[in-house]
Amino acid sequence: MVRRDAALTAGGMLVGTLLAAKAIRSRRAIRFEGRVVMITGGSRGLGLLLARELGRLGARVVLVARDEPELERAQQDLRTHEIDATILTGDVTHREQAQQLVDGVVKEHARLDILINNAGIITVGPNDDMTHADFEDAMATHFWGPLHMMQAAIPHMRQAGGGRIANVSSIGGKIGVPHLVPYCASKFALTGLSNSMRAELAPDGIAITTISPGLMRTGSPFNAWFKGQHRREFAWFAISDSLPLLSIDGRRAAVQIVDAIRYGDPELVITWPARLAVAAGALLPNATARAIGLVARALPKPGGRGGRQGRSGWQSASAWAPSLLTRASERAAADNNEIPPGHSRI
């Protein structure tokens, strides 16, 4: 009897806590109509998918990327979805350019409500084939770029009474993944930056959301860079990215990210394999490390002479990829502006 009463009390407290948390989350919700949203790395892949979703919800979208023709194609894509987006060419890894980009948006739109730091690069291959420059490029893109953009945007958001910042990190910013060492190191840095700044900015009404996706079918493997035995590296990466049980459709991921931004959620981990990996790493760190070690042994060996030369996914085709096993990623590449002009494949 006592045990039953205790269980009922505990259950009631749990339900009450969940209802209270849901009510608090609902109070944080914002509407996107008329909000000015700036998306770095917005010309293709996840950035373009986020622009489509936010534009559909009435936001005024500003896309930032380094490649102007690619941005123009993204702008035209959005027009076919009846979304009128502004495009800005710039390199957020340079502090002065980041400041100019943010100031330009505020000058044109008189506000900046939401910043999404999405720009990214991926270099895949054994650590023995990575160079110091690979780590510098990854840190510049995934840590310094978001920091520059945040430092430029925060004063404007404070003056306006608040804002939202979403930093697109990765499951590779929570769990070390072999053959992605520069990528993971830089994403760990971004996760730390995002999480540690959150509490300090909360009193200013600025909510920071750390996004940690697992594999997403956005078409990105074809524009990633591969070292070592580059064809084999591209094959395992592209096939993994295409498997339905391991990866998520890019549009579904974009919807989840936009929902997290709407409610100012502190963190979002996307895909059940990613959530499982995070839980395993926290609860069973030694076993998880051993399992990752077994995965590393199965991956291709260093490339030897010439292994340090980077090649894109488009330059790394083999009998395995592109193939029937990578069709999902190929379709995503075609849908999300990941195909270079004049490319005949797909």
C-alpha atoms as a PDB file:
ATOM      1  CA  MET A   1       0.000   0.000   0.000  1.00  0.00           C
ATOM      2  CA  VAL A   2       2.795   2.376   0.981  1.00  0.00           C
ATOM      3  CA  ARG A   3       4.750   1.459  -2.143  1.00  0.00           C
ATOM      4  CA  ARG A   4       1.687   2.043  -4.333  1.00  0.00           C
ATOM      5  CA  ASP A   5       1.065   5.444  -2.764  1.00  0.00           C
ATOM      6  CA  ALA A   6       4.720   6.369  -3.220  1.00  0.00           C
ATOM      7  CA  ALA A   7       4.591   5.287  -6.859  1.00  0.00           C
ATOM      8  CA  LEU A   8       1.418   7.296  -7.464  1.00  0.00           C
ATOM      9  CA  THR A   9       2.985  10.346  -5.816  1.00  0.00           C
ATOM     10  CA  ALA A  10       6.148  10.009  -7.883  1.00  0.00           C
ATOM     11  CA  GLY A  11       4.098   9.536 -11.032  1.00  0.00           C
ATOM     12  CA  GLY A  12       2.007  12.595 -10.265  1.00  0.00           C
ATOM     13  CA  MET A  13       5.127  14.678  -9.663  1.00  0.00           C
ATOM     14  CA  LEU A  14       6.632  13.505 -12.931  1.00  0.00           C
ATOM     15  CA  VAL A  15       3.485  14.361 -14.903  1.00  0.00           C
ATOM     16  CA  GLY A  16       3.300  17.732 -13.185  1.00  0.00           C
ATOM     17  CA  THR A  17       6.935  18.464 -14.018  1.00  0.00           C
ATOM     18  CA  LEU A  18       6.423  17.524 -17.664  1.00  0.00           C
ATOM     19  CA  LEU A  19       3.313  19.694 -17.933  1.00  0.00           C
ATOM     20  CA  ALA A  20       5.124  22.619 -16.328  1.00  0.00           C
ATOM     21  CA  ALA A  21       8.064  22.220 -18.698  1.00  0.00           C
ATOM     22  CA  LYS A  22       5.694  22.138 -21.667  1.00  0.00           C
ATOM     23  CA  ALA A  23       3.941  25.293 -20.457  1.00  0.00           C
ATOM     24  CA  ILE A  24       7.257  27.113 -20.016  1.00  0.00           C
ATOM     25  CA  ARG A  25       8.368  26.029 -23.488  1.00  0.00           C
ATOM     26  CA  SER A  26       5.112  27.270 -25.012  1.00  0.00           C
ATOM     27  CA  ARG A  27       5.635  30.706 -23.461  1.00  0.00           C
ATOM     28  CA  ARG A  28       8.986  30.959 -25.222  1.00  0.00           C
ATOM     29  CA  ALA A  29       7.470  30.419 -28.669  1.00  0.00           C
ATOM     30  CA  ILE A  30       7.850  33.079 -31.355  1.00  0.00           C
ATOM     31  CA  ARG A  31       6.191  33.579 -34.712  1.00  0.00           C
ATOM     32  CA  PHE A  32       8.338  33.828 -37.823  1.00  0.00           C
ATOM     33  CA  GLU A  33       6.170  36.178 -39.905  1.00  0.00           C
ATOM     34  CA  GLY A  34       8.208  39.284 -40.702  1.00  0.00           C
ATOM     35  CA  ARG A  35      11.247  38.120 -38.738  1.00  0.00           C
ATOM     36  CA  VAL A  36      14.630  38.714 -40.386  1.00  0.00           C
ATOM     37  CA  VAL A  37      16.646  35.490 -40.484  1.00  0.00           C
ATOM     38  CA  MET A  38      20.294  35.330 -41.546  1.00  0.00           C
ATOM     39  CA  ILE A  39      21.617  31.912 -42.603  1.00  0.00           C
ATOM     40  CA  THR A  40      25.313  31.335 -43.220  1.00  0.00           C
ATOM     41  CA  GLY A  41      26.112  28.556 -45.650  1.00  0.00           C
ATOM     42  CA  GLY A  42      22.644  29.205 -47.024  1.00  0.00           C
ATOM     43  CA  SER A  43      23.291  28.565 -50.700  1.00  0.00           C
ATOM     44  CA  ARG A  44      22.852  24.789 -50.636  1.00  0.00           C
ATOM     45  CA  GLY A  45      22.196  21.710 -48.537  1.00  0.00           C
ATOM     46  CA  LEU A  46      20.790  22.191 -45.049  1.00  0.00           C
ATOM     47  CA  GLY A  47      21.066  25.981 -45.280  1.00  0.00           C
ATOM     48  CA  LEU A  48      18.822  26.069 -48.333  1.00  0.00           C
ATOM     49  CA  LEU A  49      16.356  23.662 -46.727  1.00  0.00           C
ATOM     50  CA  LEU A  50      16.160  25.909 -43.665  1.00  0.00           C
ATOM     51  CA  ALA A  51      15.569  28.924 -45.914  1.00  0.00           C
ATOM     52  CA  ARG A  52      12.676  27.155 -47.632  1.00  0.00           C
ATOM     53  CA  GLU A  53      11.053  26.212 -44.322  1.00  0.00           C
ATOM     54  CA  LEU A  54      11.500  29.633 -42.718  1.00  0.00           C
ATOM     55  CA  GLY A  55      10.375  31.397 -45.877  1.00  0.00           C
ATOM     56  CA  ARG A  56       7.282  29.209 -45.970  1.00  0.00           C
ATOM     57  CA  LEU A  57       6.507  30.409 -42.449  1.00  0.00           C
ATOM     58  CA  GLY A  58       6.752  34.049 -43.475  1.00  0.00           C
ATOM     59  CA  ALA A  59      10.293  34.966 -42.417  1.00  0.00           C
ATOM     60  CA  ARG A  60      12.415  37.398 -44.396  1.00  0.00           C
ATOM     61  CA  VAL A  61      15.396  35.257 -45.362  1.00  0.00           C
ATOM     62  CA  VAL A  62      18.965  36.454 -45.938  1.00  0.00           C
ATOM     63  CA  LEU A  63      21.400  33.896 -47.359  1.00  0.00           C
ATOM     64  CA  VAL A  64      25.158  34.233 -46.866  1.00  0.00           C
ATOM     65  CA  ALA A  65      27.833  32.215 -48.678  1.00  0.00           C
ATOM     66  CA  ARG A  66      31.147  32.663 -50.468  1.00  0.00           C
ATOM     67  CA  ASP A  67      30.040  31.525 -53.937  1.00  0.00           C
ATOM     68  CA  GLU A  68      27.937  34.199 -55.664  1.00  0.00           C
ATOM     69  CA  PRO A  69      26.696  32.052 -58.614  1.00  0.00           C
ATOM     70  CA  GLU A  70      25.668  29.361 -56.129  1.00  0.00           C
ATOM     71  CA  LEU A  71      23.804  31.973 -54.084  1.00  0.00           C
ATOM     72  CA  GLU A  72      22.031  33.211 -57.189  1.00  0.00           C
ATOM     73  CA  ARG A  73      20.882  29.669 -57.974  1.00  0.00           C
ATOM     74  CA  ALA A  74      19.616  29.322 -54.400  1.00  0.00           C
ATOM     75  CA  GLN A  75      17.764  32.623 -54.701  1.00  0.00           C
ATOM     76  CA  GLN A  76      16.087  31.418 -57.882  1.00  0.00           C
ATOM     77  CA  ASP A  77      15.186  28.135 -56.201  1.00  0.00           C
ATOM     78  CA  LEU A  78      13.475  30.047 -53.387  1.00  0.00           C
ATOM     79  CA  ARG A  79      11.572  32.152 -55.905  1.00  0.00           C
ATOM     80  CA  THR A  80      10.085  28.948 -57.323  1.00  0.00           C
ATOM     81  CA  HIS A  81       8.783  28.383 -53.765  1.00  0.00           C
ATOM     82  CA  GLU A  82       7.391  31.947 -53.743  1.00  0.00           C
ATOM     83  CA  ILE A  83      10.073  33.083 -51.277  1.00  0.00           C
ATOM     84  CA  ASP A  84      11.878  36.349 -51.971  1.00  0.00           C
ATOM     85  CA  ALA A  85      15.304  36.037 -50.324  1.00  0.00           C
ATOM     86  CA  THR A  86      18.195  38.471 -50.060  1.00  0.00           C
ATOM     87  CA  ILE A  87      21.663  37.094 -50.878  1.00  0.00           C
ATOM     88  CA  LEU A  88      25.009  38.353 -49.581  1.00  0.00           C
ATOM     89  CA  THR A  89      28.448  37.168 -50.662  1.00  0.00           C
ATOM     90  CA  GLY A  90      31.029  37.021 -47.914  1.00  0.00           C
ATOM     91  CA  ASP A  91      33.424  34.893 -45.901  1.00  0.00           C
ATOM     92  CA  VAL A  92      32.439  34.657 -42.243  1.00  0.00           C
ATOM     93  CA  THR A  93      35.865  33.313 -41.285  1.00  0.00           C
ATOM     94  CA  HIS A  94      37.096  36.904 -41.643  1.00  0.00           C
ATOM     95  CA  ARG A  95      35.959  39.015 -38.701  1.00  0.00           C
ATOM     96  CA  GLU A  96      35.666  42.240 -40.695  1.00  0.00           C
ATOM     97  CA  GLN A  97      33.499  40.598 -43.354  1.00  0.00           C
ATOM     98  CA  ALA A  98      31.237  39.046 -40.706  1.00  0.00           C
ATOM     99  CA  GLN A  99      30.735  42.463 -39.135  1.00  0.00           C
ATOM    100  CA  GLN A 100      29.985  44.045 -42.514  1.00  0.00           C
ATOM    101  CA  LEU A 101      27.486  41.301 -43.361  1.00  0.00           C
ATOM    102  CA  VAL A 102      25.550  41.714 -40.113  1.00  0.00           C
ATOM    103  CA  ASP A 103      25.647  45.513 -40.212  1.00  0.00           C
ATOM    104  CA  GLY A 104      24.462  45.422 -43.825  1.00  0.00           C
ATOM    105  CA  VAL A 105      21.442  43.294 -42.949  1.00  0.00           C
ATOM    106  CA  VAL A 106      20.493  45.553 -40.043  1.00  0.00           C
ATOM    107  CA  LYS A 107      20.883  48.628 -42.236  1.00  0.00           C
ATOM    108  CA  GLU A 108      18.678  47.177 -44.971  1.00  0.00           C
ATOM    109  CA  HIS A 109      16.011  45.522 -42.807  1.00  0.00           C
ATOM    110  CA  ALA A 110      16.315  47.650 -39.635  1.00  0.00           C
ATOM    111  CA  ARG A 111      16.618  44.465 -37.559  1.00  0.00           C
ATOM    112  CA  LEU A 112      18.148  41.016 -37.216  1.00  0.00           C
ATOM    113  CA  ASP A 113      15.954  38.614 -35.279  1.00  0.00           C
ATOM    114  CA  ILE A 114      17.499  35.209 -35.921  1.00  0.00           C
ATOM    115  CA  LEU A 115      21.050  34.143 -36.800  1.00  0.00           C
ATOM    116  CA  ILE A 116      21.702  30.593 -37.984  1.00  0.00           C
ATOM    117  CA  ASN A 117      25.387  29.657 -38.102  1.00  0.00           C
ATOM    118  CA  ASN A 118      25.259  26.822 -40.594  1.00  0.00           C
ATOM    119  CA  ALA A 119      28.352  27.259 -42.816  1.00  0.00           C
ATOM    120  CA  GLY A 120      30.469  24.130 -42.794  1.00  0.00           C
ATOM    121  CA  ILE A 121      33.153  22.066 -44.486  1.00  0.00           C
ATOM    122  CA  ILE A 122      33.871  18.346 -44.219  1.00  0.00           C
ATOM    123  CA  THR A 123      37.221  16.691 -44.874  1.00  0.00           C
ATOM    124  CA  VAL A 124      37.128  12.894 -44.579  1.00  0.00           C
ATOM    125  CA  GLY A 125      40.111  10.592 -44.270  1.00  0.00           C
ATOM    126  CA  PRO A 126      42.679   9.090 -41.865  1.00  0.00           C
ATOM    127  CA  ASN A 127      44.342  11.486 -39.456  1.00  0.00           C
ATOM    128  CA  ASP A 128      47.721  10.516 -40.934  1.00  0.00           C
ATOM    129  CA  ASP A 129      46.616  12.126 -44.199  1.00  0.00           C
ATOM    130  CA  MET A 130      45.382  15.357 -42.595  1.00  0.00           C
ATOM    131  CA  THR A 131      47.529  18.485 -42.567  1.00  0.00           C
ATOM    132  CA  HIS A 132      47.725  21.420 -40.186  1.00  0.00           C
ATOM    133  CA  ALA A 133      45.818  23.435 -42.785  1.00  0.00           C
ATOM    134  CA  ASP A 134      42.879  21.010 -42.550  1.00  0.00           C
ATOM    135  CA  PHE A 135      42.554  21.778 -38.840  1.00  0.00           C
ATOM    136  CA  GLU A 136      42.936  25.519 -39.430  1.00  0.00           C
ATOM    137  CA  ASP A 137      40.240  25.514 -42.130  1.00  0.00           C
ATOM    138  CA  ALA A 138      37.846  23.506 -39.956  1.00  0.00           C
ATOM    139  CA  MET A 139      38.379  25.772 -36.943  1.00  0.00           C
ATOM    140  CA  ALA A 140      38.035  28.905 -39.065  1.00  0.00           C
ATOM    141  CA  THR A 141      34.717  27.714 -40.497  1.00  0.00           C
ATOM    142  CA  HIS A 142      33.114  25.983 -37.522  1.00  0.00           C
ATOM    143  CA  PHE A 143      34.440  28.015 -34.575  1.00  0.00           C
ATOM    144  CA  TRP A 144      35.783  31.402 -35.616  1.00  0.00           C
ATOM    145  CA  GLY A 145      33.082  32.008 -38.231  1.00  0.00           C
ATOM    146  CA  PRO A 146      30.181  31.490 -35.798  1.00  0.00           C
ATOM    147  CA  LEU A 147      32.010  33.482 -33.123  1.00  0.00           C
ATOM    148  CA  HIS A 148      32.530  36.395 -35.523  1.00  0.00           C
ATOM    149  CA  MET A 149      28.869  36.340 -36.538  1.00  0.00           C
ATOM    150  CA  MET A 150      27.647  36.129 -32.947  1.00  0.00           C
ATOM    151  CA  GLN A 151      29.864  38.971 -31.800  1.00  0.00           C
ATOM    152  CA  ALA A 152      28.559  41.092 -34.657  1.00  0.00           C
ATOM    153  CA  ALA A 153      24.892  40.183 -34.122  1.00  0.00           C
ATOM    154  CA  ILE A 154      24.584  40.241 -30.322  1.00  0.00           C
ATOM    155  CA  PRO A 155      24.779  44.048 -29.884  1.00  0.00           C
ATOM    156  CA  HIS A 156      21.953  44.513 -32.403  1.00  0.00           C
ATOM    157  CA  MET A 157      19.860  41.831 -30.684  1.00  0.00           C
ATOM    158  CA  ARG A 158      20.467  43.379 -27.270  1.00  0.00           C
ATOM    159  CA  GLN A 159      19.378  46.757 -28.553  1.00  0.00           C
ATOM    160  CA  ALA A 160      16.220  45.179 -29.974  1.00  0.00           C
ATOM    161  CA  GLY A 161      15.426  43.418 -26.705  1.00  0.00           C
ATOM    162  CA  GLY A 162      16.254  39.867 -27.752  1.00  0.00           C
ATOM    163  CA  GLY A 163      16.817  37.392 -30.548  1.00  0.00           C
ATOM    164  CA  ARG A 164      17.553  33.802 -31.454  1.00  0.00           C
ATOM    165  CA  ILE A 165      20.864  32.183 -32.427  1.00  0.00           C
ATOM    166  CA  ALA A 166      21.113  28.632 -33.741  1.00  0.00           C
ATOM    167  CA  ASN A 167      24.553  27.070 -34.063  1.00  0.00           C
ATOM    168  CA  VAL A 168      24.588  24.010 -36.312  1.00  0.00           C
ATOM    169  CA  SER A 169      27.165  21.744 -34.708  1.00  0.00           C
ATOM    170  CA  SER A 170      27.063  17.961 -35.192  1.00  0.00           C
ATOM    171  CA  ILE A 171      26.940  14.629 -33.450  1.00  0.00           C
ATOM    172  CA  GLY A 172      30.652  14.900 -34.273  1.00  0.00           C
ATOM    173  CA  GLY A 173      30.716  17.744 -31.751  1.00  0.00           C
ATOM    174  CA  LYS A 174      29.643  15.362 -28.986  1.00  0.00           C
ATOM    175  CA  ILE A 175      31.185  12.015 -30.015  1.00  0.00           C
ATOM    176  CA  GLY A 176      34.600  11.674 -31.683  1.00  0.00           C
ATOM    177  CA  VAL A 177      34.210  10.040 -35.109  1.00  0.00           C
ATOM    178  CA  PRO A 178      37.234   8.398 -36.779  1.00  0.00           C
ATOM    179  CA  HIS A 179      38.364   9.770 -40.141  1.00  0.00           C
ATOM    180  CA  LEU A 180      36.717  13.100 -39.276  1.00  0.00           C
ATOM    181  CA  VAL A 181      39.260  14.434 -36.773  1.00  0.00           C
ATOM    182  CA  PRO A 182      39.506  18.093 -37.917  1.00  0.00           C
ATOM    183  CA  TYR A 183      35.735  18.228 -38.367  1.00  0.00           C
ATOM    184  CA  CYS A 184      35.014  16.783 -34.916  1.00  0.00           C
ATOM    185  CA  ALA A 185      37.625  18.914 -33.140  1.00  0.00           C
ATOM    186  CA  SER A 186      36.129  22.088 -34.587  1.00  0.00           C
ATOM    187  CA  LYS A 187      32.534  21.005 -33.935  1.00  0.00           C
ATOM    188  CA  PHE A 188      33.416  20.219 -30.306  1.00  0.00           C
ATOM    189  CA  ALA A 189      34.713  23.795 -30.095  1.00  0.00           C
ATOM    190  CA  LEU A 190      31.473  25.154 -31.560  1.00  0.00           C
ATOM    191  CA  THR A 191      29.380  23.075 -29.146  1.00  0.00           C
ATOM    192  CA  GLY A 192      31.369  24.423 -26.210  1.00  0.00           C
ATOM    193  CA  LEU A 193      31.091  28.002 -27.458  1.00  0.00           C
ATOM    194  CA  SER A 194      27.355  27.691 -28.024  1.00  0.00           C
ATOM    195  CA  ASN A 195      26.558  25.992 -24.721  1.00  0.00           C
ATOM    196  CA  SER A 196      28.749  28.232 -22.575  1.00  0.00           C
ATOM    197  CA  MET A 197      27.449  31.510 -24.039  1.00  0.00           C
ATOM    198  CA  ARG A 198      23.812  30.492 -23.594  1.00  0.00           C
ATOM    199  CA  ALA A 199      23.441  31.304 -19.898  1.00  0.00           C
ATOM    200  CA  GLU A 200      25.211  34.652 -20.197  1.00  0.00           C
ATOM    201  CA  LEU A 201      22.942  35.851 -23.005  1.00  0.00           C
ATOM    202  CA  ALA A 202      19.663  34.590 -21.545  1.00  0.00           C
ATOM    203  CA  PRO A 203      19.126  37.729 -19.394  1.00  0.00           C
ATOM    204  CA  ASP A 204      19.279  39.776 -22.615  1.00  0.00           C
ATOM    205  CA  GLY A 205      16.431  37.783 -24.124  1.00  0.00           C
ATOM    206  CA  ILE A 206      18.796  36.037 -26.563  1.00  0.00           C
ATOM    207  CA  ALA A 207      18.199  32.285 -26.789  1.00  0.00           C
ATOM    208  CA  ILE A 208      20.964  30.078 -28.179  1.00  0.00           C
ATOM    209  CA  THR A 209      20.131  26.661 -29.597  1.00  0.00           C
ATOM    210  CA  THR A 210      22.887  24.124 -30.228  1.00  0.00           C
ATOM    211  CA  ILE A 211      21.952  21.822 -33.112  1.00  0.00           C
ATOM    212  CA  SER A 212      23.679  18.424 -33.168  1.00  0.00           C
ATOM    213  CA  PRO A 213      22.504  16.457 -36.215  1.00  0.00           C
ATOM    214  CA  GLY A 214      23.444  12.931 -37.071  1.00  0.00           C
ATOM    215  CA  LEU A 215      23.551  11.912 -40.725  1.00  0.00           C
ATOM    216  CA  MET A 216      21.164  13.947 -42.895  1.00  0.00           C
ATOM    217  CA  ARG A 217      20.255  13.353 -46.517  1.00  0.00           C
ATOM    218  CA  THR A 218      21.019  16.838 -47.849  1.00  0.00           C
ATOM    219  CA  GLY A 219      23.393  15.859 -50.678  1.00  0.00           C
ATOM    220  CA  SER A 220      26.496  17.163 -48.899  1.00  0.00           C
ATOM    221  CA  PRO A 221      28.831  14.155 -49.475  1.00  0.00           C
ATOM    222  CA  PHE A 222      29.296  15.171 -53.098  1.00  0.00           C
ATOM    223  CA  ASN A 223      30.800  18.509 -52.039  1.00  0.00           C
ATOM    224  CA  ALA A 224      32.814  17.139 -49.117  1.00  0.00           C
ATOM    225  CA  TRP A 225      36.566  16.575 -49.450  1.00  0.00           C
ATOM    226  CA  PHE A 226      38.248  13.186 -49.204  1.00  0.00           C
ATOM    227  CA  LYS A 227      41.829  12.203 -48.486  1.00  0.00           C
ATOM    228  CA  GLY A 228      43.803   8.984 -48.258  1.00  0.00           C
ATOM    229  CA  GLN A 229      42.124   6.309 -50.378  1.00  0.00           C
ATOM    230  CA  HIS A 230      39.650   8.938 -51.464  1.00  0.00           C
ATOM    231  CA  ARG A 231      37.355   6.691 -53.521  1.00  0.00           C
ATOM    232  CA  ARG A 232      36.897   4.252 -50.643  1.00  0.00           C
ATOM    233  CA  GLU A 233      36.440   7.119 -48.174  1.00  0.00           C
ATOM    234  CA  PHE A 234      33.764   8.681 -50.362  1.00  0.00           C
ATOM    235  CA  ALA A 235      32.016   5.323 -50.792  1.00  0.00           C
ATOM    236  CA  TRP A 236      31.556   4.589 -47.064  1.00  0.00           C
ATOM    237  CA  PHE A 237      30.601   8.179 -46.318  1.00  0.00           C
ATOM    238  CA  ALA A 238      28.062   8.536 -49.131  1.00  0.00           C
ATOM    239  CA  ILE A 239      26.501   5.109 -48.503  1.00  0.00           C
ATOM    240  CA  SER A 240      26.142   5.816 -44.759  1.00  0.00           C
ATOM    241  CA  ASP A 241      24.554   9.159 -45.579  1.00  0.00           C
ATOM    242  CA  SER A 242      21.967   7.437 -47.797  1.00  0.00           C
ATOM    243  CA  LEU A 243      20.793   4.652 -45.499  1.00  0.00           C
ATOM    244  CA  PRO A 244      17.250   5.374 -44.202  1.00  0.00           C
ATOM    245  CA  LEU A 245      17.835   3.785 -40.782  1.00  0.00           C
ATOM    246  CA  LEU A 246      21.031   5.769 -40.167  1.00  0.00           C
ATOM    247  CA  SER A 247      20.117   9.101 -41.755  1.00  0.00           C
ATOM    248  CA  ILE A 248      17.169  11.478 -41.856  1.00  0.00           C
ATOM    249  CA  ASP A 249      15.581  13.258 -44.794  1.00  0.00           C
ATOM    250  CA  GLY A 250      16.980  16.791 -44.919  1.00  0.00           C
ATOM    251  CA  ARG A 251      13.529  18.383 -45.036  1.00  0.00           C
ATOM    252  CA  ARG A 252      12.470  16.625 -41.835  1.00  0.00           C
ATOM    253  CA  ALA A 253      15.670  17.751 -40.154  1.00  0.00           C
ATOM    254  CA  ALA A 254      15.020  21.349 -41.234  1.00  0.00           C
ATOM    255  CA  VAL A 255      11.514  21.232 -39.743  1.00  0.00           C
ATOM    256  CA  GLN A 256      12.913  20.003 -36.420  1.00  0.00           C
ATOM    257  CA  ILE A 257      15.568  22.724 -36.370  1.00  0.00           C
ATOM    258  CA  VAL A 258      13.051  25.474 -37.111  1.00  0.00           C
ATOM    259  CA  ASP A 259      10.796  24.125 -34.358  1.00  0.00           C
ATOM    260  CA  ALA A 260      13.702  24.228 -31.871  1.00  0.00           C
ATOM    261  CA  ILE A 261      14.439  27.831 -32.870  1.00  0.00           C
ATOM    262  CA  ARG A 262      10.769  28.757 -32.497  1.00  0.00           C
ATOM    263  CA  TYR A 263      10.759  27.637 -28.860  1.00  0.00           C
ATOM    264  CA  GLY A 264      14.314  28.711 -28.028  1.00  0.00           C
ATOM    265  CA  ASP A 265      15.262  25.163 -27.025  1.00  0.00           C
ATOM    266  CA  PRO A 266      18.779  24.916 -25.577  1.00  0.00           C
ATOM    267  CA  GLU A 267      19.723  21.860 -27.608  1.00  0.00           C
ATOM    268  CA  LEU A 268      18.488  19.581 -30.382  1.00  0.00           C
ATOM    269  CA  VAL A 269      20.033  16.226 -31.262  1.00  0.00           C
ATOM    270  CA  ILE A 270      18.670  14.895 -34.560  1.00  0.00           C
ATOM    271  CA  THR A 271      18.224  11.194 -35.469  1.00  0.00           C
ATOM    272  CA  TRP A 272      17.803   8.284 -33.081  1.00  0.00           C
ATOM    273  CA  PRO A 273      21.299   6.843 -33.830  1.00  0.00           C
ATOM    274  CA  ALA A 274      22.801  10.193 -32.798  1.00  0.00           C
ATOM    275  CA  ARG A 275      20.750  10.305 -29.588  1.00  0.00           C
ATOM    276  CA  LEU A 276      21.704   6.693 -28.844  1.00  0.00           C
ATOM    277  CA  ALA A 277      25.398   7.469 -29.404  1.00  0.00           C
ATOM    278  CA  VAL A 278      25.242  10.471 -27.060  1.00  0.00           C
ATOM    279  CA  ALA A 279      23.507   8.406 -24.355  1.00  0.00           C
ATOM    280  CA  ALA A 280      25.972   5.545 -24.764  1.00  0.00           C
ATOM    281  CA  GLY A 281      28.928   7.925 -24.561  1.00  0.00           C
ATOM    282  CA  ALA A 282      27.582   9.413 -21.316  1.00  0.00           C
ATOM    283  CA  LEU A 283      26.542   6.164 -19.627  1.00  0.00           C
ATOM    284  CA  LEU A 284      29.153   3.732 -21.013  1.00  0.00           C
ATOM    285  CA  PRO A 285      32.137   5.831 -22.103  1.00  0.00           C
ATOM    286  CA  ASN A 286      34.696   3.007 -22.090  1.00  0.00           C
ATOM    287  CA  ALA A 287      32.492   0.596 -24.023  1.00  0.00           C
ATOM    288  CA  THR A 288      31.621   3.337 -26.489  1.00  0.00           C
ATOM    289  CA  ALA A 289      35.305   4.133 -27.023  1.00  0.00           C
ATOM    290  CA  ARG A 290      36.045   0.480 -27.720  1.00  0.00           C
ATOM    291  CA  ALA A 291      33.147   0.260 -30.190  1.00  0.00           C
ATOM    292  CA  ILE A 292      34.371   3.360 -32.034  1.00  0.00           C
ATOM    293  CA  GLY A 293      37.828   1.800 -32.105  1.00  0.00           C
ATOM    294  CA  LEU A 294      36.425  -1.244 -33.892  1.00  0.00           C
ATOM    295  CA  VAL A 295      34.759   1.026 -36.437  1.00  0.00           C
ATOM    296  CA  ALA A 296      38.075   2.816 -37.030  1.00  0.00           C
ATOM    297  CA  ARG A 297      39.796  -0.494 -37.793  1.00  0.00           C
ATOM    298  CA  ALA A 298      37.255  -1.241 -40.511  1.00  0.00           C
ATOM    299  CA  LEU A 299      37.777   2.078 -42.309  1.00  0.00           C
ATOM    300  CA  PRO A 300      40.284   2.517 -45.171  1.00  0.00           C
ATOM    301  CA  LYS A 301      43.985   2.780 -44.360  1.00  0.00           C
ATOM    302  CA  PRO A 302      46.046   5.913 -45.113  1.00  0.00           C
ATOM    303  CA  GLY A 303      46.624   6.635 -48.774  1.00  0.00           C
ATOM    304  CA  GLY A 304      50.395   6.708 -48.770  1.00  0.00           C
ATOM    305  CA  ARG A 305      52.004   8.840 -51.432  1.00  0.00           C
ATOM    306  CA  GLY A 306      49.474  11.412 -52.600  1.00  0.00           C
ATOM    307  CA  GLY A 307      47.087  10.603 -49.760  1.00  0.00           C
ATOM    308  CA  ARG A 308      47.181  14.149 -48.441  1.00  0.00           C
ATOM    309  CA  GLN A 309      45.701  15.558 -51.635  1.00  0.00           C
ATOM    310  CA  GLY A 310      42.039  16.426 -51.124  1.00  0.00           C
ATOM    311  CA  ARG A 311      39.458  15.480 -53.732  1.00  0.00           C
ATOM    312  CA  SER A 312      35.758  16.287 -53.795  1.00  0.00           C
ATOM    313  CA  GLY A 313      33.032  13.681 -53.824  1.00  0.00           C
ATOM    314  CA  TRP A 314      32.538  14.444 -57.512  1.00  0.00           C
ATOM    315  CA  GLN A 315      36.181  13.462 -58.089  1.00  0.00           C
ATOM    316  CA  SER A 316      35.950  10.265 -56.050  1.00  0.00           C
ATOM    317  CA  ALA A 317      33.442   8.138 -57.957  1.00  0.00           C
ATOM    318  CA  SER A 318      33.749   4.345 -57.912  1.00  0.00           C
ATOM    319  CA  ALA A 319      31.608   1.275 -58.534  1.00  0.00           C
ATOM    320  CA  TRP A 320      30.177   1.748 -55.027  1.00  0.00           C
ATOM    321  CA  ALA A 321      29.364   5.442 -55.185  1.00  0.00           C
ATOM    322  CA  PRO A 322      27.450   6.830 -56.956  1.00  0.00           C
ATOM    323  CA  SER A 323      25.375   3.650 -57.175  1.00  0.00           C
ATOM    324  CA  LEU A 324      22.009   2.276 -56.116  1.00  0.00           C
ATOM    325  CA  LEU A 325      23.291   2.484 -52.533  1.00  0.00           C
ATOM    326  CA  THR A 326      23.680   6.278 -52.753  1.00  0.00           C
ATOM    327  CA  ARG A 327      20.528   7.193 -54.685  1.00  0.00           C
ATOM    328  CA  ALA A 328      18.980   8.992 -51.708  1.00  0.00           C
ATOM    329  CA  SER A 329      21.969  11.316 -51.390  1.00  0.00           C
ATOM    330  CA  GLU A 330      22.040  11.841 -55.142  1.00  0.00           C
ATOM    331  CA  ARG A 331      18.398  12.907 -55.176  1.00  0.00           C
ATOM    332  CA  ALA A 332      19.060  15.248 -52.260  1.00  0.00           C
ATOM    333  CA  ALA A 333      22.031  16.751 -54.097  1.00  0.00           C
ATOM    334  CA  ALA A 334      19.822  17.435 -57.106  1.00  0.00           C
ATOM    335  CA  ASP A 335      17.089  18.953 -54.931  1.00  0.00           C
ATOM    336  CA  ASN A 336      19.320  21.118 -52.742  1.00  0.00           C
ATOM    337  CA  ASN A 337      21.655  22.927 -55.147  1.00  0.00           C
ATOM    338  CA  GLU A 338      24.596  20.587 -54.468  1.00  0.00           C
ATOM    339  CA  ILE A 339      25.314  19.844 -58.154  1.00  0.00           C
ATOM    340  CA  PRO A 340      27.943  22.011 -59.872  1.00  0.00           C
ATOM    341  CA  PRO A 341      26.785  23.673 -63.133  1.00  0.00           C
ATOM    342  CA  GLY A 342      27.186  21.443 -66.152  1.00  0.00           C
ATOM    343  CA  HIS A 343      27.770  18.302 -64.112  1.00  0.00           C
ATOM    344  CA  SER A 344      26.419  15.356 -66.080  1.00  0.00           C
ATOM    345  CA  ARG A 345      26.196  12.772 -63.293  1.00  0.00           C
ATOM    346  CA  ILE A 346      22.866  12.110 -61.467  1.00  0.00           C
END
